[in-house]
Amino acid sequence: MKPASPMSCETGLSGIPAELQLREADAADLVFLRALYRTVRDPELMLTPWAETERQAFSDSQFALQDRHYRAHYPGALLLVIEHQGVPVGRLYLGTAPGPLRLMDLAFMPSWRGRGWGTALVRAVVGRAYREARDTLLFVESNNPAYRLYGREGFADEGVEGVYRRMRRRPVPVRSAD
């Protein structure tokens, strides 16, 4: 994580809902990012016979491994915290290296889901890809509700890689807001 900084960063994204701000994640965000990761993994963790302390330890270790993987394999990626009125509500990780623009992760805390912000951010990402004449690439579990969102937004399913569906969107104009 970068040192704490309240500054937002240049993302190349336009059309982001006015009530949201994006800024680079920093060391001060670690507690929030771990908690957010846990909410995403809770459905599968609740199926385990583990005690809460074991679930939390596993979630924290998986978050650390994911973070290390993203930093090692996606140099220069934008690791962004999504804020609403200065309160962290989600994260958007975007791989910007040459080749396809990679939508690595988009997640909101449960109480902030269902507001259309995810759709707006996906459209902002594919809008950037369109302007740069690049594909947008992502991986998503097929049981994730976002899988249907990506299909509605023009991503084509290219098949299974491990537990994930590989999806790609060619650089075509972004749909207007519904």
Protein backbone atom coordinates (compact mmCIF):
# COMPACT_ATOMS: atom_id res chain seq x y z
CA MET A 1 0.00 0.00 0.00
CA LYS A 2 1.10 3.54 -0.66
CA PRO A 3 1.50 6.02 2.19
CA ALA A 4 -1.70 7.77 3.27
CA SER A 5 -2.85 10.50 0.90
CA PRO A 6 -6.30 12.07 0.65
CA MET A 7 -5.66 12.99 -2.99
CA SER A 8 -7.65 11.41 -5.78
CA CYS A 9 -5.78 10.15 -8.82
CA GLU A 10 -6.05 10.28 -12.58
CA THR A 11 -7.99 7.22 -13.70
CA GLY A 12 -8.90 8.01 -17.28
CA LEU A 13 -12.50 7.15 -16.36
CA SER A 14 -15.41 9.42 -17.19
CA GLY A 15 -19.11 9.17 -16.44
CA ILE A 16 -18.56 8.18 -12.81
CA PRO A 17 -21.59 9.02 -10.64
CA ALA A 18 -21.12 12.50 -9.17
CA GLU A 19 -21.63 11.20 -5.64
CA LEU A 20 -18.61 8.89 -5.91
CA GLN A 21 -14.92 9.66 -5.71
CA LEU A 22 -12.02 7.39 -6.64
CA ARG A 23 -8.61 7.57 -5.03
CA GLU A 24 -5.57 5.37 -4.78
CA ALA A 25 -5.68 2.85 -1.96
CA ASP A 26 -3.08 3.47 0.72
CA ALA A 27 -1.87 1.84 3.92
CA ALA A 28 -4.64 3.50 5.93
CA ASP A 29 -7.22 1.58 3.84
CA LEU A 30 -6.00 -1.89 4.82
CA VAL A 31 -8.65 -2.46 7.52
CA PHE A 32 -11.43 -1.37 5.17
CA LEU A 33 -10.12 -3.45 2.26
CA ARG A 34 -9.85 -6.57 4.42
CA ALA A 35 -13.41 -6.06 5.69
CA LEU A 36 -14.68 -5.56 2.13
CA TYR A 37 -12.90 -8.70 0.95
CA ARG A 38 -14.51 -10.62 3.80
CA THR A 39 -18.02 -9.52 2.75
CA VAL A 40 -17.38 -10.82 -0.75
CA ARG A 41 -16.16 -14.18 0.56
CA ASP A 42 -18.71 -14.58 3.37
CA PRO A 43 -21.20 -16.72 1.40
CA GLU A 44 -18.61 -19.46 0.89
CA LEU A 45 -17.01 -19.04 4.31
CA MET A 46 -20.37 -19.51 6.01
CA LEU A 47 -20.51 -23.02 4.50
CA THR A 48 -17.41 -24.09 6.41
CA PRO A 49 -17.52 -25.67 9.87
CA TRP A 50 -14.87 -23.19 11.05
CA ALA A 51 -15.13 -20.93 14.07
CA GLU A 52 -15.38 -17.20 13.37
CA THR A 53 -11.72 -16.68 14.28
CA GLU A 54 -10.72 -19.32 11.71
CA ARG A 55 -12.91 -17.74 9.03
CA GLN A 56 -11.40 -14.32 9.70
CA ALA A 57 -7.85 -15.66 9.68
CA PHE A 58 -8.49 -17.46 6.38
CA SER A 59 -10.12 -14.38 4.84
CA ASP A 60 -7.22 -12.16 5.94
CA SER A 61 -4.65 -14.60 4.52
CA GLN A 62 -6.54 -14.85 1.20
CA PHE A 63 -6.78 -11.06 1.00
CA ALA A 64 -3.02 -10.77 1.58
CA LEU A 65 -2.29 -13.39 -1.11
CA GLN A 66 -4.61 -11.65 -3.59
CA ASP A 67 -3.05 -8.26 -2.87
CA ARG A 68 0.45 -9.65 -3.31
CA HIS A 69 -0.59 -11.36 -6.58
CA TYR A 70 -2.13 -8.19 -8.00
CA ARG A 71 0.94 -6.11 -7.11
CA ALA A 72 3.37 -8.68 -8.54
CA HIS A 73 1.51 -9.46 -11.77
CA TYR A 74 -0.13 -6.12 -12.61
CA PRO A 75 2.54 -3.43 -12.20
CA GLY A 76 1.08 0.03 -12.56
CA ALA A 77 -2.46 -1.18 -11.87
CA LEU A 78 -4.85 1.36 -10.41
CA LEU A 79 -5.83 0.06 -6.97
CA LEU A 80 -8.66 2.42 -6.12
CA VAL A 81 -10.92 2.97 -3.15
CA ILE A 82 -14.43 4.11 -4.04
CA GLU A 83 -15.75 6.74 -1.64
CA HIS A 84 -19.13 8.32 -1.03
CA GLN A 85 -18.91 11.65 0.80
CA GLY A 86 -15.46 10.71 2.11
CA VAL A 87 -16.56 7.28 3.37
CA PRO A 88 -14.96 4.19 1.75
CA VAL A 89 -17.72 2.09 0.18
CA GLY A 90 -15.90 -0.13 -2.32
CA ARG A 91 -12.88 -0.85 -4.45
CA LEU A 92 -12.05 -0.81 -8.15
CA TYR A 93 -8.85 -2.44 -9.34
CA LEU A 94 -7.91 -1.76 -12.94
CA GLY A 95 -4.95 -3.21 -14.85
CA THR A 96 -3.75 -0.55 -17.29
CA ALA A 97 -0.66 -2.21 -18.83
CA PRO A 98 -0.54 -2.54 -22.63
CA GLY A 99 -3.04 -5.01 -24.05
CA PRO A 100 -6.58 -5.33 -22.78
CA LEU A 101 -7.73 -3.03 -20.02
CA ARG A 102 -8.26 -5.44 -17.12
CA LEU A 103 -11.20 -5.01 -14.78
CA MET A 104 -9.49 -6.90 -11.95
CA ASP A 105 -11.95 -6.26 -9.15
CA LEU A 106 -15.06 -4.22 -8.43
CA ALA A 107 -16.81 -4.62 -5.10
CA PHE A 108 -18.97 -2.63 -2.71
CA MET A 109 -19.77 -3.09 0.95
CA PRO A 110 -23.19 -4.79 1.24
CA SER A 111 -25.07 -1.69 2.42
CA TRP A 112 -23.86 0.23 -0.65
CA ARG A 113 -24.80 -2.35 -3.29
CA GLY A 114 -27.81 -2.12 -5.59
CA ARG A 115 -27.53 1.61 -6.36
CA GLY A 116 -26.41 1.25 -9.98
CA TRP A 117 -22.89 2.36 -9.14
CA GLY A 118 -21.33 -0.92 -10.27
CA THR A 119 -22.99 -0.62 -13.67
CA ALA A 120 -21.85 2.99 -13.97
CA LEU A 121 -18.27 2.08 -13.10
CA VAL A 122 -18.24 -0.85 -15.55
CA ARG A 123 -19.45 1.55 -18.23
CA ALA A 124 -16.74 4.05 -17.28
CA VAL A 125 -14.09 1.33 -17.62
CA VAL A 126 -15.34 0.14 -21.01
CA GLY A 127 -15.67 3.78 -22.08
CA ARG A 128 -11.97 4.27 -21.36
CA ALA A 129 -11.18 1.06 -23.26
CA TYR A 130 -13.24 2.32 -26.22
CA ARG A 131 -11.41 5.67 -26.27
CA GLU A 132 -8.09 3.78 -26.19
CA ALA A 133 -9.24 1.18 -28.78
CA ARG A 134 -8.59 -1.65 -26.31
CA ASP A 135 -10.54 -4.71 -25.26
CA THR A 136 -11.71 -4.95 -21.65
CA LEU A 137 -10.95 -8.27 -19.96
CA LEU A 138 -12.18 -9.67 -16.65
CA PHE A 139 -12.58 -12.90 -14.72
CA VAL A 140 -15.67 -13.61 -12.63
CA GLU A 141 -17.16 -16.61 -10.87
CA SER A 142 -20.28 -17.75 -12.72
CA ASN A 143 -22.32 -17.71 -9.48
CA ASN A 144 -21.41 -14.06 -8.86
CA PRO A 145 -24.40 -11.75 -9.58
CA ALA A 146 -22.00 -9.50 -11.51
CA TYR A 147 -21.68 -12.24 -14.15
CA ARG A 148 -25.12 -11.27 -15.48
CA LEU A 149 -24.24 -7.56 -15.32
CA TYR A 150 -21.15 -8.11 -17.44
CA GLY A 151 -23.20 -10.01 -20.02
CA ARG A 152 -25.73 -7.16 -20.19
CA GLU A 153 -22.87 -4.72 -20.68
CA GLY A 154 -21.57 -6.52 -23.76
CA PHE A 155 -18.94 -8.85 -22.33
CA ALA A 156 -18.66 -12.18 -24.13
CA ASP A 157 -17.97 -15.33 -22.13
CA GLU A 158 -14.77 -16.91 -23.47
CA GLY A 159 -14.79 -19.98 -21.24
CA VAL A 160 -13.65 -21.31 -17.90
CA GLU A 161 -10.23 -20.78 -16.32
CA GLY A 162 -10.14 -22.50 -12.95
CA VAL A 163 -13.20 -21.35 -11.00
CA TYR A 164 -13.57 -18.20 -13.09
CA ARG A 165 -15.29 -17.29 -16.35
CA ARG A 166 -13.06 -15.27 -18.68
CA MET A 167 -15.06 -12.43 -20.25
CA ARG A 168 -14.04 -9.90 -22.88
CA ARG A 169 -15.63 -6.81 -24.33
CA ARG A 170 -14.41 -5.46 -27.64
CA PRO A 171 -13.93 -1.68 -27.97
CA VAL A 172 -17.38 -0.68 -29.13
CA PRO A 173 -19.30 2.40 -27.97
CA VAL A 174 -20.67 2.32 -24.43
CA ARG A 175 -24.44 2.08 -23.96
CA SER A 176 -26.10 5.17 -22.61
CA ALA A 177 -27.32 5.13 -19.02
CA ASP A 178 -30.68 3.40 -18.53
